[in-house]
Amino acid sequence: MSTSPGSGNPPDTTPLDPDPTGQDPNAKDPAAEEKAQLQAAIFEVTQAARGRGLHEIREMLQAEFSRRGVKAPTTIWLDSVASAAFHGEPYLIDLPAALAAEAAVPAPNDGVRKHLARRRELRQDKLPAGTFPPASAWELDSSDVTFSTPEPRPDPRAVLESTSTLRRLLALAASGVAALLAVASVRAAMKAKRLQSGRSTAGGA
């Protein structure tokens, strides 16, 4: 199949919206019929393209599109489809288009047919009711939304000023402690001197 970017579906081209309905299973794609016709034409031409040149395959695609009343969205898209058919792989527009086209035109190779058969089976399987909560349960009120307001960062200048102030206060406190220790040391020395002098006087008497 042409799901690999290297062959049929280059990554820089989006010729047709693969999900125009916003993933709503109940919505209808207004371009569904056109896509199905384009896909059926691709299946037809890919089946007949073996051994033909790229230019001839491109002309075959244009002729088949015209016969079905549709046209290629862009020239780049047409070149991608032709390149995929040249390598024997049908360009797949999307799953609904491929399934719808295969109902009228068989897919051109076994790999695509088996893939579409598996996808068709998956589509037919239905999960038991209540498997998923209703859509209303997924909606959030304003009270369910949790968010926090970031705290304002402090001004760097204010931080520097407060740091400088703290340093000055610490320096003043250290100076005061040193002065108290010096006074205490002087008083202790004077007291020791008086005691020594008193002992000397008592001994002389």
N, C-alpha and C. Protein backbone atom coordinates (compact mmCIF):
# COMPACT_ATOMS: atom_id res chain seq x y z
N MET A 1 0.84 -1.20 0.00
CA MET A 1 0.00 0.00 0.00
C MET A 1 0.87 1.23 0.00
N SER A 2 0.30 2.39 -0.27
CA SER A 2 1.08 3.60 -0.41
C SER A 2 1.11 4.41 0.87
N THR A 3 1.26 3.74 1.99
CA THR A 3 1.32 4.46 3.25
C THR A 3 2.72 4.90 3.61
N SER A 4 3.74 4.42 2.87
CA SER A 4 5.09 4.82 3.18
C SER A 4 5.42 6.10 2.45
N PRO A 5 6.08 7.09 3.17
CA PRO A 5 6.35 8.38 2.54
C PRO A 5 7.26 8.27 1.34
N GLY A 6 8.05 7.17 1.23
CA GLY A 6 9.02 7.09 0.16
C GLY A 6 8.43 6.78 -1.18
N SER A 7 7.20 6.28 -1.27
CA SER A 7 6.68 5.90 -2.58
C SER A 7 5.50 6.76 -2.98
N GLY A 8 4.31 6.39 -2.51
CA GLY A 8 3.12 7.01 -3.06
C GLY A 8 2.66 8.26 -2.35
N ASN A 9 2.91 8.39 -1.06
CA ASN A 9 2.37 9.50 -0.28
C ASN A 9 3.50 10.35 0.27
N PRO A 10 4.06 11.29 -0.49
CA PRO A 10 5.14 12.12 0.03
C PRO A 10 4.66 12.92 1.22
N PRO A 11 5.54 13.15 2.24
CA PRO A 11 5.09 13.81 3.47
C PRO A 11 4.68 15.26 3.30
N ASP A 12 5.12 15.91 2.20
CA ASP A 12 4.84 17.33 2.06
C ASP A 12 3.60 17.61 1.22
N THR A 13 2.80 16.57 0.92
CA THR A 13 1.59 16.80 0.14
C THR A 13 0.38 16.29 0.89
N THR A 14 -0.64 17.13 0.99
CA THR A 14 -1.89 16.73 1.63
C THR A 14 -3.03 17.11 0.69
N PRO A 15 -3.23 16.34 -0.38
CA PRO A 15 -4.20 16.74 -1.41
C PRO A 15 -5.63 16.69 -0.92
N LEU A 16 -5.94 15.74 -0.05
CA LEU A 16 -7.31 15.61 0.43
C LEU A 16 -7.30 15.52 1.94
N ASP A 17 -8.25 16.16 2.57
CA ASP A 17 -8.32 16.14 4.02
C ASP A 17 -8.68 14.72 4.48
N PRO A 18 -7.79 14.03 5.22
CA PRO A 18 -8.11 12.66 5.63
C PRO A 18 -9.17 12.56 6.70
N ASP A 19 -9.46 13.68 7.37
CA ASP A 19 -10.47 13.64 8.43
C ASP A 19 -11.28 14.92 8.44
N PRO A 20 -12.06 15.15 7.40
CA PRO A 20 -12.80 16.42 7.31
C PRO A 20 -13.93 16.52 8.32
N THR A 21 -14.32 15.42 8.93
CA THR A 21 -15.45 15.44 9.86
C THR A 21 -15.02 15.61 11.31
N GLY A 22 -13.74 15.84 11.54
CA GLY A 22 -13.30 16.06 12.92
C GLY A 22 -13.45 14.83 13.80
N GLN A 23 -13.32 13.63 13.23
CA GLN A 23 -13.38 12.38 13.97
C GLN A 23 -14.74 12.13 14.61
N ASP A 24 -15.76 12.72 14.07
CA ASP A 24 -17.11 12.48 14.56
C ASP A 24 -17.71 11.34 13.75
N PRO A 25 -17.94 10.17 14.36
CA PRO A 25 -18.43 9.02 13.58
C PRO A 25 -19.81 9.23 13.00
N ASN A 26 -20.58 10.16 13.52
CA ASN A 26 -21.93 10.39 13.02
C ASN A 26 -22.00 11.47 11.95
N ALA A 27 -20.90 12.19 11.76
CA ALA A 27 -20.90 13.27 10.77
C ALA A 27 -20.70 12.70 9.37
N LYS A 28 -21.15 13.41 8.36
CA LYS A 28 -21.04 12.98 6.98
C LYS A 28 -19.97 13.80 6.27
N ASP A 29 -19.12 13.11 5.55
CA ASP A 29 -18.08 13.79 4.78
C ASP A 29 -18.69 14.27 3.46
N PRO A 30 -18.75 15.58 3.22
CA PRO A 30 -19.37 16.07 1.98
C PRO A 30 -18.62 15.64 0.72
N ALA A 31 -17.34 15.27 0.87
CA ALA A 31 -16.56 14.86 -0.30
C ALA A 31 -16.46 13.35 -0.40
N ALA A 32 -17.28 12.60 0.33
CA ALA A 32 -17.16 11.15 0.37
C ALA A 32 -17.34 10.52 -1.00
N GLU A 33 -18.34 10.98 -1.75
CA GLU A 33 -18.61 10.38 -3.06
C GLU A 33 -17.47 10.67 -4.03
N GLU A 34 -16.96 11.88 -4.00
CA GLU A 34 -15.85 12.24 -4.89
C GLU A 34 -14.61 11.41 -4.55
N LYS A 35 -14.34 11.25 -3.25
CA LYS A 35 -13.18 10.45 -2.84
C LYS A 35 -13.34 8.99 -3.26
N ALA A 36 -14.55 8.47 -3.13
CA ALA A 36 -14.78 7.08 -3.52
C ALA A 36 -14.55 6.89 -5.02
N GLN A 37 -14.97 7.86 -5.84
CA GLN A 37 -14.75 7.77 -7.28
C GLN A 37 -13.27 7.87 -7.63
N LEU A 38 -12.58 8.76 -6.96
CA LEU A 38 -11.13 8.89 -7.17
C LEU A 38 -10.43 7.57 -6.80
N GLN A 39 -10.84 7.00 -5.67
CA GLN A 39 -10.20 5.76 -5.22
C GLN A 39 -10.50 4.60 -6.16
N ALA A 40 -11.73 4.52 -6.64
CA ALA A 40 -12.08 3.45 -7.59
C ALA A 40 -11.26 3.58 -8.87
N ALA A 41 -11.06 4.83 -9.33
CA ALA A 41 -10.25 5.05 -10.52
C ALA A 41 -8.81 4.62 -10.28
N ILE A 42 -8.30 4.90 -9.08
CA ILE A 42 -6.93 4.50 -8.74
C ILE A 42 -6.80 2.99 -8.74
N PHE A 43 -7.81 2.30 -8.18
CA PHE A 43 -7.79 0.84 -8.18
C PHE A 43 -7.76 0.30 -9.62
N GLU A 44 -8.60 0.88 -10.48
CA GLU A 44 -8.68 0.44 -11.87
C GLU A 44 -7.34 0.60 -12.57
N VAL A 45 -6.76 1.79 -12.47
CA VAL A 45 -5.53 2.08 -13.20
C VAL A 45 -4.36 1.30 -12.63
N THR A 46 -4.28 1.16 -11.31
CA THR A 46 -3.17 0.42 -10.71
C THR A 46 -3.18 -1.03 -11.18
N GLN A 47 -4.38 -1.58 -11.34
CA GLN A 47 -4.51 -2.97 -11.81
C GLN A 47 -3.97 -3.12 -13.23
N ALA A 48 -4.15 -2.08 -14.05
CA ALA A 48 -3.75 -2.16 -15.46
C ALA A 48 -2.39 -1.52 -15.72
N ALA A 49 -1.72 -1.04 -14.68
CA ALA A 49 -0.51 -0.25 -14.89
C ALA A 49 0.76 -1.08 -15.04
N ARG A 50 0.70 -2.37 -14.79
CA ARG A 50 1.91 -3.18 -14.79
C ARG A 50 2.59 -3.15 -16.16
N GLY A 51 3.87 -2.85 -16.16
CA GLY A 51 4.65 -2.82 -17.41
C GLY A 51 4.55 -1.52 -18.16
N ARG A 52 3.81 -0.56 -17.69
CA ARG A 52 3.64 0.72 -18.38
C ARG A 52 4.56 1.77 -17.76
N GLY A 53 4.84 2.80 -18.56
CA GLY A 53 5.70 3.88 -18.10
C GLY A 53 4.94 4.86 -17.22
N LEU A 54 5.70 5.66 -16.45
CA LEU A 54 5.09 6.61 -15.51
C LEU A 54 4.22 7.63 -16.23
N HIS A 55 4.68 8.14 -17.37
CA HIS A 55 3.89 9.14 -18.11
C HIS A 55 2.58 8.55 -18.61
N GLU A 56 2.65 7.32 -19.10
CA GLU A 56 1.44 6.67 -19.60
C GLU A 56 0.44 6.41 -18.46
N ILE A 57 0.96 6.00 -17.30
CA ILE A 57 0.08 5.77 -16.14
C ILE A 57 -0.59 7.07 -15.72
N ARG A 58 0.14 8.14 -15.78
CA ARG A 58 -0.43 9.45 -15.43
C ARG A 58 -1.59 9.80 -16.36
N GLU A 59 -1.41 9.54 -17.65
CA GLU A 59 -2.47 9.82 -18.62
C GLU A 59 -3.67 8.90 -18.40
N MET A 60 -3.40 7.66 -18.04
CA MET A 60 -4.48 6.71 -17.75
C MET A 60 -5.31 7.19 -16.55
N LEU A 61 -4.62 7.69 -15.54
CA LEU A 61 -5.33 8.20 -14.36
C LEU A 61 -6.23 9.38 -14.74
N GLN A 62 -5.68 10.32 -15.50
CA GLN A 62 -6.47 11.49 -15.89
C GLN A 62 -7.69 11.07 -16.70
N ALA A 63 -7.51 10.11 -17.58
CA ALA A 63 -8.64 9.65 -18.40
C ALA A 63 -9.71 8.98 -17.54
N GLU A 64 -9.28 8.16 -16.57
CA GLU A 64 -10.25 7.46 -15.71
C GLU A 64 -10.96 8.45 -14.78
N PHE A 65 -10.22 9.43 -14.29
CA PHE A 65 -10.86 10.45 -13.45
C PHE A 65 -11.92 11.19 -14.25
N SER A 66 -11.56 11.56 -15.46
CA SER A 66 -12.50 12.30 -16.31
C SER A 66 -13.74 11.45 -16.60
N ARG A 67 -13.55 10.16 -16.85
CA ARG A 67 -14.69 9.28 -17.14
C ARG A 67 -15.63 9.20 -15.96
N ARG A 68 -15.09 9.30 -14.75
CA ARG A 68 -15.91 9.21 -13.53
C ARG A 68 -16.39 10.58 -13.05
N GLY A 69 -16.04 11.63 -13.78
CA GLY A 69 -16.54 12.96 -13.42
C GLY A 69 -15.83 13.60 -12.25
N VAL A 70 -14.58 13.20 -12.00
CA VAL A 70 -13.79 13.81 -10.93
C VAL A 70 -12.45 14.24 -11.51
N LYS A 71 -11.67 14.95 -10.72
CA LYS A 71 -10.34 15.37 -11.20
C LYS A 71 -9.35 15.35 -10.04
N ALA A 72 -8.09 15.28 -10.39
CA ALA A 72 -7.05 15.25 -9.36
C ALA A 72 -7.01 16.59 -8.63
N PRO A 73 -6.89 16.57 -7.30
CA PRO A 73 -6.86 17.83 -6.55
C PRO A 73 -5.69 18.71 -6.94
N THR A 74 -4.49 18.13 -7.10
CA THR A 74 -3.30 18.90 -7.47
C THR A 74 -2.44 18.07 -8.41
N THR A 75 -1.54 18.74 -9.11
CA THR A 75 -0.61 18.04 -9.99
C THR A 75 0.35 17.17 -9.19
N ILE A 76 0.80 17.66 -8.05
CA ILE A 76 1.72 16.88 -7.20
C ILE A 76 1.03 15.61 -6.73
N TRP A 77 -0.23 15.73 -6.34
CA TRP A 77 -0.99 14.56 -5.91
C TRP A 77 -1.10 13.54 -7.04
N LEU A 78 -1.39 14.01 -8.26
CA LEU A 78 -1.50 13.11 -9.41
C LEU A 78 -0.18 12.38 -9.65
N ASP A 79 0.93 13.11 -9.52
CA ASP A 79 2.24 12.48 -9.70
C ASP A 79 2.49 11.41 -8.63
N SER A 80 2.05 11.67 -7.41
CA SER A 80 2.22 10.69 -6.34
C SER A 80 1.41 9.43 -6.60
N VAL A 81 0.18 9.62 -7.06
CA VAL A 81 -0.68 8.47 -7.37
C VAL A 81 -0.08 7.65 -8.51
N ALA A 82 0.42 8.35 -9.54
CA ALA A 82 1.01 7.66 -10.68
C ALA A 82 2.27 6.89 -10.26
N SER A 83 3.08 7.51 -9.40
CA SER A 83 4.30 6.85 -8.93
C SER A 83 3.97 5.59 -8.13
N ALA A 84 2.94 5.68 -7.27
CA ALA A 84 2.54 4.50 -6.50
C ALA A 84 2.05 3.39 -7.42
N ALA A 85 1.25 3.74 -8.43
CA ALA A 85 0.73 2.74 -9.36
C ALA A 85 1.87 2.12 -10.17
N PHE A 86 2.87 2.91 -10.51
CA PHE A 86 4.03 2.41 -11.25
C PHE A 86 4.73 1.29 -10.46
N HIS A 87 4.73 1.43 -9.11
CA HIS A 87 5.34 0.41 -8.26
C HIS A 87 4.35 -0.69 -7.85
N GLY A 88 3.16 -0.66 -8.44
CA GLY A 88 2.19 -1.72 -8.17
C GLY A 88 1.41 -1.54 -6.88
N GLU A 89 1.44 -0.34 -6.30
CA GLU A 89 0.73 -0.08 -5.04
C GLU A 89 -0.32 1.00 -5.25
N PRO A 90 -1.55 0.76 -4.84
CA PRO A 90 -2.58 1.78 -4.99
C PRO A 90 -2.44 2.86 -3.92
N TYR A 91 -2.52 4.09 -4.33
CA TYR A 91 -2.54 5.21 -3.39
C TYR A 91 -3.89 5.18 -2.67
N LEU A 92 -3.87 5.12 -1.34
CA LEU A 92 -5.12 5.09 -0.57
C LEU A 92 -5.43 6.49 -0.05
N ILE A 93 -6.58 6.99 -0.44
CA ILE A 93 -6.98 8.34 -0.02
C ILE A 93 -7.31 8.35 1.47
N ASP A 94 -8.22 7.50 1.88
CA ASP A 94 -8.51 7.28 3.30
C ASP A 94 -9.31 5.98 3.39
N LEU A 95 -9.53 5.51 4.60
CA LEU A 95 -10.18 4.21 4.79
C LEU A 95 -11.62 4.20 4.26
N PRO A 96 -12.47 5.19 4.60
CA PRO A 96 -13.84 5.15 4.06
C PRO A 96 -13.88 5.13 2.54
N ALA A 97 -13.00 5.92 1.90
CA ALA A 97 -12.98 5.95 0.44
C ALA A 97 -12.55 4.60 -0.13
N ALA A 98 -11.54 3.98 0.52
CA ALA A 98 -11.06 2.68 0.03
C ALA A 98 -12.13 1.61 0.18
N LEU A 99 -12.83 1.60 1.30
CA LEU A 99 -13.89 0.61 1.51
C LEU A 99 -15.04 0.80 0.54
N ALA A 100 -15.40 2.07 0.31
CA ALA A 100 -16.49 2.35 -0.63
C ALA A 100 -16.08 1.98 -2.05
N ALA A 101 -14.84 2.27 -2.43
CA ALA A 101 -14.39 1.96 -3.79
C ALA A 101 -14.32 0.47 -4.01
N GLU A 102 -13.88 -0.29 -2.99
CA GLU A 102 -13.73 -1.73 -3.16
C GLU A 102 -15.07 -2.43 -3.34
N ALA A 103 -16.15 -1.77 -2.89
CA ALA A 103 -17.46 -2.36 -3.12
C ALA A 103 -17.80 -2.41 -4.60
N ALA A 104 -17.17 -1.52 -5.40
CA ALA A 104 -17.44 -1.48 -6.84
C ALA A 104 -16.27 -2.03 -7.65
N VAL A 105 -15.04 -1.77 -7.19
CA VAL A 105 -13.84 -2.19 -7.92
C VAL A 105 -12.92 -2.91 -6.95
N PRO A 106 -12.57 -4.18 -7.19
CA PRO A 106 -11.68 -4.89 -6.27
C PRO A 106 -10.34 -4.19 -6.14
N ALA A 107 -9.80 -4.20 -4.94
CA ALA A 107 -8.47 -3.63 -4.74
C ALA A 107 -7.46 -4.40 -5.60
N PRO A 108 -6.42 -3.73 -6.09
CA PRO A 108 -5.54 -4.33 -7.10
C PRO A 108 -4.55 -5.38 -6.61
N ASN A 109 -4.40 -5.57 -5.30
CA ASN A 109 -3.50 -6.64 -4.86
C ASN A 109 -4.01 -7.26 -3.56
N ASP A 110 -3.49 -8.45 -3.26
CA ASP A 110 -3.98 -9.21 -2.11
C ASP A 110 -3.72 -8.49 -0.79
N GLY A 111 -2.57 -7.82 -0.69
CA GLY A 111 -2.24 -7.14 0.55
C GLY A 111 -3.27 -6.08 0.91
N VAL A 112 -3.67 -5.28 -0.08
CA VAL A 112 -4.67 -4.24 0.16
C VAL A 112 -6.02 -4.87 0.47
N ARG A 113 -6.36 -5.92 -0.26
CA ARG A 113 -7.67 -6.56 -0.02
C ARG A 113 -7.75 -7.12 1.40
N LYS A 114 -6.68 -7.77 1.86
CA LYS A 114 -6.69 -8.32 3.22
C LYS A 114 -6.75 -7.21 4.26
N HIS A 115 -6.01 -6.14 4.01
CA HIS A 115 -6.02 -5.02 4.95
C HIS A 115 -7.41 -4.41 5.06
N LEU A 116 -8.06 -4.19 3.93
CA LEU A 116 -9.39 -3.61 3.95
C LEU A 116 -10.41 -4.56 4.57
N ALA A 117 -10.22 -5.86 4.36
CA ALA A 117 -11.14 -6.83 4.96
C ALA A 117 -11.03 -6.79 6.48
N ARG A 118 -9.80 -6.68 7.00
CA ARG A 118 -9.63 -6.58 8.46
C ARG A 118 -10.26 -5.31 9.00
N ARG A 119 -10.06 -4.21 8.28
CA ARG A 119 -10.64 -2.94 8.74
C ARG A 119 -12.16 -2.98 8.69
N ARG A 120 -12.70 -3.67 7.69
CA ARG A 120 -14.16 -3.78 7.60
C ARG A 120 -14.71 -4.59 8.78
N GLU A 121 -14.00 -5.64 9.15
CA GLU A 121 -14.42 -6.44 10.31
C GLU A 121 -14.37 -5.61 11.59
N LEU A 122 -13.31 -4.82 11.75
CA LEU A 122 -13.20 -3.99 12.94
C LEU A 122 -14.32 -2.97 13.00
N ARG A 123 -14.71 -2.45 11.85
CA ARG A 123 -15.79 -1.48 11.82
C ARG A 123 -17.12 -2.11 12.22
N GLN A 124 -17.29 -3.38 11.87
CA GLN A 124 -18.55 -4.04 12.18
C GLN A 124 -18.64 -4.48 13.64
N ASP A 125 -17.49 -4.68 14.27
CA ASP A 125 -17.50 -5.05 15.69
C ASP A 125 -17.94 -3.86 16.51
N LYS A 126 -18.84 -4.10 17.45
CA LYS A 126 -19.33 -3.03 18.31
C LYS A 126 -19.02 -3.38 19.76
N LEU A 127 -18.50 -2.42 20.47
CA LEU A 127 -18.20 -2.62 21.89
C LEU A 127 -19.49 -2.61 22.69
N PRO A 128 -19.53 -3.34 23.80
CA PRO A 128 -20.74 -3.34 24.64
C PRO A 128 -21.07 -1.93 25.13
N ALA A 129 -22.36 -1.68 25.30
CA ALA A 129 -22.80 -0.37 25.79
C ALA A 129 -22.19 -0.11 27.16
N GLY A 130 -21.79 1.11 27.37
CA GLY A 130 -21.21 1.49 28.66
C GLY A 130 -19.72 1.26 28.76
N THR A 131 -19.08 0.83 27.66
CA THR A 131 -17.63 0.62 27.70
C THR A 131 -16.92 1.93 27.95
N PHE A 132 -17.38 2.97 27.29
CA PHE A 132 -16.81 4.30 27.49
C PHE A 132 -17.85 5.22 28.11
N PRO A 133 -17.43 6.17 28.94
CA PRO A 133 -18.38 7.11 29.52
C PRO A 133 -18.99 8.00 28.45
N PRO A 134 -20.16 8.58 28.72
CA PRO A 134 -20.78 9.46 27.73
C PRO A 134 -19.93 10.70 27.48
N ALA A 135 -20.19 11.35 26.36
CA ALA A 135 -19.40 12.52 26.00
C ALA A 135 -19.48 13.61 27.06
N SER A 136 -20.66 13.74 27.73
CA SER A 136 -20.81 14.79 28.74
C SER A 136 -19.85 14.60 29.90
N ALA A 137 -19.42 13.36 30.15
CA ALA A 137 -18.52 13.10 31.27
C ALA A 137 -17.11 13.61 31.00
N TRP A 138 -16.81 13.89 29.72
CA TRP A 138 -15.48 14.36 29.39
C TRP A 138 -15.36 15.88 29.47
N GLU A 139 -16.49 16.56 29.65
CA GLU A 139 -16.46 18.02 29.70
C GLU A 139 -16.07 18.49 31.10
N LEU A 140 -15.28 19.53 31.17
CA LEU A 140 -14.80 20.07 32.45
C LEU A 140 -15.43 21.42 32.73
N ASP A 141 -15.86 21.63 33.99
CA ASP A 141 -16.28 22.99 34.38
C ASP A 141 -15.06 23.76 34.81
N SER A 142 -15.29 25.02 35.07
CA SER A 142 -14.20 25.87 35.54
C SER A 142 -13.70 25.39 36.91
N SER A 143 -14.61 24.78 37.72
CA SER A 143 -14.21 24.31 39.04
C SER A 143 -13.32 23.06 38.97
N ASP A 144 -13.37 22.34 37.82
CA ASP A 144 -12.56 21.13 37.68
C ASP A 144 -11.14 21.43 37.20
N VAL A 145 -10.93 22.65 36.73
CA VAL A 145 -9.62 23.00 36.20
C VAL A 145 -8.73 23.46 37.33
N THR A 146 -7.62 22.82 37.49
CA THR A 146 -6.67 23.18 38.55
C THR A 146 -5.52 23.93 37.93
N PHE A 147 -5.26 25.10 38.47
CA PHE A 147 -4.11 25.85 38.00
C PHE A 147 -3.60 26.70 39.15
N SER A 148 -2.40 27.11 39.07
CA SER A 148 -1.80 27.94 40.12
C SER A 148 -1.18 29.16 39.48
N THR A 149 -1.31 30.29 40.19
CA THR A 149 -0.71 31.52 39.71
C THR A 149 0.72 31.58 40.19
N PRO A 150 1.67 31.72 39.30
CA PRO A 150 3.07 31.74 39.73
C PRO A 150 3.35 32.94 40.62
N GLU A 151 4.10 32.70 41.69
CA GLU A 151 4.46 33.78 42.59
C GLU A 151 5.44 34.72 41.90
N PRO A 152 5.29 36.04 42.14
CA PRO A 152 6.22 36.98 41.50
C PRO A 152 7.63 36.80 42.02
N ARG A 153 8.58 36.89 41.14
CA ARG A 153 9.97 36.76 41.55
C ARG A 153 10.44 38.06 42.20
N PRO A 154 11.31 37.95 43.23
CA PRO A 154 11.80 39.17 43.87
C PRO A 154 12.69 39.96 42.92
N ASP A 155 12.67 41.27 43.14
CA ASP A 155 13.52 42.15 42.34
C ASP A 155 14.98 41.90 42.72
N PRO A 156 15.86 41.62 41.76
CA PRO A 156 17.26 41.35 42.09
C PRO A 156 17.92 42.50 42.86
N ARG A 157 17.52 43.75 42.53
CA ARG A 157 18.11 44.88 43.26
C ARG A 157 17.70 44.88 44.71
N ALA A 158 16.43 44.51 44.96
CA ALA A 158 15.97 44.45 46.35
C ALA A 158 16.70 43.34 47.11
N VAL A 159 16.96 42.23 46.41
CA VAL A 159 17.69 41.13 47.06
C VAL A 159 19.09 41.57 47.43
N LEU A 160 19.75 42.29 46.51
CA LEU A 160 21.10 42.77 46.79
C LEU A 160 21.12 43.75 47.95
N GLU A 161 20.11 44.66 47.95
CA GLU A 161 20.05 45.64 49.03
C GLU A 161 19.83 44.97 50.38
N SER A 162 18.93 43.98 50.41
CA SER A 162 18.66 43.32 51.68
C SER A 162 19.88 42.53 52.14
N THR A 163 20.62 41.96 51.17
CA THR A 163 21.84 41.21 51.52
C THR A 163 22.89 42.15 52.09
N SER A 164 23.03 43.32 51.47
CA SER A 164 24.01 44.30 51.97
C SER A 164 23.63 44.76 53.37
N THR A 165 22.33 45.00 53.58
CA THR A 165 21.87 45.44 54.90
C THR A 165 22.16 44.37 55.95
N LEU A 166 21.90 43.10 55.59
CA LEU A 166 22.16 42.01 56.53
C LEU A 166 23.63 41.93 56.86
N ARG A 167 24.48 42.13 55.88
CA ARG A 167 25.92 42.08 56.14
C ARG A 167 26.35 43.20 57.08
N ARG A 168 25.78 44.39 56.88
CA ARG A 168 26.13 45.52 57.76
C ARG A 168 25.69 45.24 59.19
N LEU A 169 24.48 44.66 59.33
CA LEU A 169 24.00 44.35 60.67
C LEU A 169 24.88 43.30 61.34
N LEU A 170 25.30 42.31 60.59
CA LEU A 170 26.17 41.27 61.15
C LEU A 170 27.52 41.86 61.56
N ALA A 171 28.04 42.79 60.74
CA ALA A 171 29.31 43.42 61.07
C ALA A 171 29.20 44.24 62.35
N LEU A 172 28.06 44.98 62.49
CA LEU A 172 27.85 45.78 63.70
C LEU A 172 27.73 44.88 64.93
N ALA A 173 27.01 43.77 64.76
CA ALA A 173 26.85 42.85 65.89
C ALA A 173 28.19 42.26 66.29
N ALA A 174 29.02 41.92 65.29
CA ALA A 174 30.33 41.37 65.60
C ALA A 174 31.20 42.40 66.31
N SER A 175 31.11 43.66 65.88
CA SER A 175 31.88 44.72 66.55
C SER A 175 31.45 44.89 68.00
N GLY A 176 30.12 44.84 68.22
CA GLY A 176 29.61 44.97 69.60
C GLY A 176 30.09 43.84 70.48
N VAL A 177 30.06 42.63 69.96
CA VAL A 177 30.52 41.47 70.73
C VAL A 177 31.99 41.61 71.07
N ALA A 178 32.79 42.07 70.08
CA ALA A 178 34.22 42.24 70.32
C ALA A 178 34.48 43.29 71.40
N ALA A 179 33.69 44.39 71.37
CA ALA A 179 33.86 45.46 72.38
C ALA A 179 33.51 44.93 73.77
N LEU A 180 32.42 44.16 73.86
CA LEU A 180 32.03 43.60 75.16
C LEU A 180 33.10 42.65 75.69
N LEU A 181 33.65 41.84 74.82
CA LEU A 181 34.71 40.93 75.24
C LEU A 181 35.95 41.70 75.71
N ALA A 182 36.26 42.80 75.03
CA ALA A 182 37.43 43.60 75.42
C ALA A 182 37.22 44.23 76.79
N VAL A 183 36.00 44.77 77.01
CA VAL A 183 35.69 45.38 78.32
C VAL A 183 35.76 44.35 79.43
N ALA A 184 35.17 43.17 79.13
CA ALA A 184 35.19 42.10 80.13
C ALA A 184 36.62 41.67 80.44
N SER A 185 37.46 41.64 79.42
CA SER A 185 38.85 41.24 79.61
C SER A 185 39.60 42.25 80.46
N VAL A 186 39.36 43.57 80.22
CA VAL A 186 40.02 44.63 81.01
C VAL A 186 39.57 44.56 82.48
N ARG A 187 38.26 44.38 82.68
CA ARG A 187 37.74 44.30 84.05
C ARG A 187 38.32 43.10 84.79
N ALA A 188 38.45 41.98 84.11
CA ALA A 188 39.00 40.79 84.74
C ALA A 188 40.46 41.01 85.12
N ALA A 189 41.19 41.70 84.24
CA ALA A 189 42.61 41.97 84.53
C ALA A 189 42.75 42.90 85.73
N MET A 190 41.87 43.92 85.78
CA MET A 190 41.93 44.88 86.91
C MET A 190 41.56 44.18 88.22
N LYS A 191 40.58 43.31 88.15
CA LYS A 191 40.16 42.61 89.36
C LYS A 191 41.27 41.69 89.87
N ALA A 192 41.94 41.02 88.92
CA ALA A 192 43.04 40.13 89.31
C ALA A 192 44.18 40.92 89.91
N LYS A 193 44.42 42.13 89.38
CA LYS A 193 45.51 42.97 89.89
C LYS A 193 45.20 43.43 91.30
N ARG A 194 43.91 43.79 91.56
CA ARG A 194 43.54 44.23 92.90
C ARG A 194 43.69 43.08 93.91
N LEU A 195 43.29 41.91 93.49
CA LEU A 195 43.42 40.75 94.39
C LEU A 195 44.86 40.47 94.72
N GLN A 196 45.72 40.56 93.73
CA GLN A 196 47.13 40.32 93.95
C GLN A 196 47.74 41.39 94.86
N SER A 197 47.34 42.59 94.67
CA SER A 197 47.84 43.73 95.50
C SER A 197 47.40 43.56 96.95
N GLY A 198 46.17 43.09 97.13
CA GLY A 198 45.64 42.88 98.49
C GLY A 198 46.40 41.78 99.21
N ARG A 199 46.75 40.73 98.50
CA ARG A 199 47.51 39.63 99.10
C ARG A 199 48.91 40.09 99.53
N SER A 200 49.51 40.92 98.65
CA SER A 200 50.86 41.41 98.95
C SER A 200 50.84 42.30 100.20
N THR A 201 49.84 43.13 100.38
CA THR A 201 49.74 44.02 101.55
C THR A 201 49.53 43.21 102.80
N ALA A 202 48.73 42.20 102.73
CA ALA A 202 48.45 41.35 103.90
C ALA A 202 49.70 40.59 104.29
N GLY A 203 50.48 40.14 103.37
CA GLY A 203 51.69 39.40 103.69
C GLY A 203 52.74 40.27 104.35
N GLY A 204 52.85 41.52 103.97
CA GLY A 204 53.84 42.45 104.53
C GLY A 204 53.52 42.81 105.97
N ALA A 205 52.24 42.84 106.32
CA ALA A 205 51.86 43.19 107.69
C ALA A 205 52.22 42.04 108.58
